[in-house]
Amino acid sequence: MMLTFRFQWVLLAWTAFLAVASGRLPQSDRVRRTHPPVEARHEAPEAPVEDRSEKFRFLTAETKPYQVTSLPEVPFDIGELYSGLVPIDSKNKSNALFFVFQPTIGPPVDTLTIWLNGGPGCSSLEGFFQENGRFLWQPGQYAPAINDYAWVNLTNMLWVEQPIGTGFSIGEVTATGEEEIAQQFVGFFKNFEELFGIKHFKIYVTGESYAGRYVPYISAAMVDEKDTTYFDLAGVLVYDPCIGAYDYSQQELVTLPLVQRNAPIFGLNDSFISQLEALDASCGYADYRNKYLTFPPPGIQPDGYFSYETEASCDVWDLTFYAALAINPCFNIYHIVDTCPLLPDVLGFPGSLMYTTPGLGIYFERADVKKAMHAPTDVTWTECSNGLVIIGAYGPDDDFQNDTSLDPIQYVLPKVIEHTNRVLVANGDWDMIIITEGTLLSIQNMTWNGALGFQTEPSTPIVITEPDLQYEVLFDENELNGVDDIQGTMGIQHYERGLMWAETYQSGHMEPEYQPRISYRHLEWLLGYVDEL
């Protein structure tokens, strides 16, 4: 899954079931144009690779060493696909980022959408292989399957493992904050574009979780380049993003509302709920929400960063998490409706816990996979890095792993909104690691295009009218013809001054994985194919 807030050290063992007073558990870690309707795209037969390769748009003598012609365990034509290492600085190949690039399916388009996972230090191959890629091998699946809602149906896609120290990417970790990470990415990206002959494309930057920090900083750095040949930034999309004070405003302040609206899922007893309510009041969380989670907001919110040393008694997030684990040992902070057993996962991270099913192994650690993808054989791949990828002094919020940069809402995210007027921020209602009300609270503390926050409370429904494609055949085989109907109301949207907000029903942290139809609609809006969600 993508965490994107997959802080790899969310290794939650029962031995770590500590009293809240002992402090916080360290944490590790989605106007229609003239494109085919989504329900028709998956029906076109695939031609054999040998008949199509000469028509591949980006295949040249220079890109041939990056071409991927097949992947182990993937039993179908993978089409035009490239992967490998591209240096950050063409004069120093010792620092390089690993990428997967797949051009759009069907008629060519001059758009390029970048996808980044979070962590920090979590691999974007999760996005490629379990969220929005052309084929997916998600937890619990016996084998890879075609993704009917693949983003390559609409745009050229680039998944990048970054910063240095993430996945297969190589080099010395030197970044002390988001500014340096962004500059490294800009260097890599221009080298990538020059390699593949990409110029004058509309660029869209997307991601989830901790990429809520990566994406705005990288996007702002592209704007600063003032070079539309290579950096014509046209829009941004972030899922369940770390845009504010992550552990305070997007967790602690809003844990009780999450529990209250999902009471049957958590299954917590009345006495525990009463304890949470008392802490929510005595710690000032209820008053804070009542004052600042309003439309329009009354003013700038006070600085708030949670201290696990001095405020442990107010750590309602961990208190709730441990209680949920006691009831459901397989409780998943990224998708709170999960129950036991832990599903087999070829990436080794099926929920709150890192877990490798005996005999299954990690897909991207296989020698034959590394060979097929031109990956470095001397790098041990893990979904989330075991080491630091940011090494600055601790900032005001020590959960940011030495990331000293300001929260995106303070400068770079407003800058990107004002440049593109095409930014989408979404949050899934079944996510506990980044909570919906907390992301909205962060937006209410951001000034962009001349005003603070949203002036009107979000209320417009998101109605998904596309029928289901994933299980249509299965329904028919089980005499459930017609069940693959429109999805209906699946969230709430709101647009003001260049920013689109989307609350997604029945989705966890990785929205393209848990609600692919809705995520597909988000992408259509980002690319300008629809005017509203």
Foldseek 3Di string as FASTA:
>chain_A
DFQLFFAVPLADDPVPLDDLLVFDDFGYTFLADPADPLQPVVPDDDDQCVVCVVVDQQDDPLQVVFWFQDFPLPPDGPHTKGWAWFFLAPVDRQFTKIKIKDAAPDDHAQAEEEEEGHRPQFFLVCCCAFFAHQWHDAFQDPGIDGDSLHPSNPGIYMYIQDDAQHFLTGDDQDALALLVRLSSVVSRQVRVCVSRVRFLGAYEYEYEAQCLRNRLNNLLVLVVVVGNGRRNYAEYEYELYQQAQQCPLQALLCPLVLCVVVVVLLVDDPVVNVVLVVLNVVVCSVVLCVQAVDALHPAADDDDADDRNPPSVSNVLSVSVSSSCVVAVQQALQFRNDGDDQTAGLQQDRGSHRHHDPPRHRRCLDPSRCVSSVGDNPDRGHSGGPDDSHQACQDPHNSVPSHNDHRNLEPSVLVSLLVNLQYEYEYESRHNSGHPSSVQSSQQNHDHPHDHHHNDDWDAFDFFFDFDDPCQVVCVVVVNHPPRGTPTTFWTWDHDSSYIYTYGYSGGRSCSNRPVSVSSVSVCSSVPSDVTD
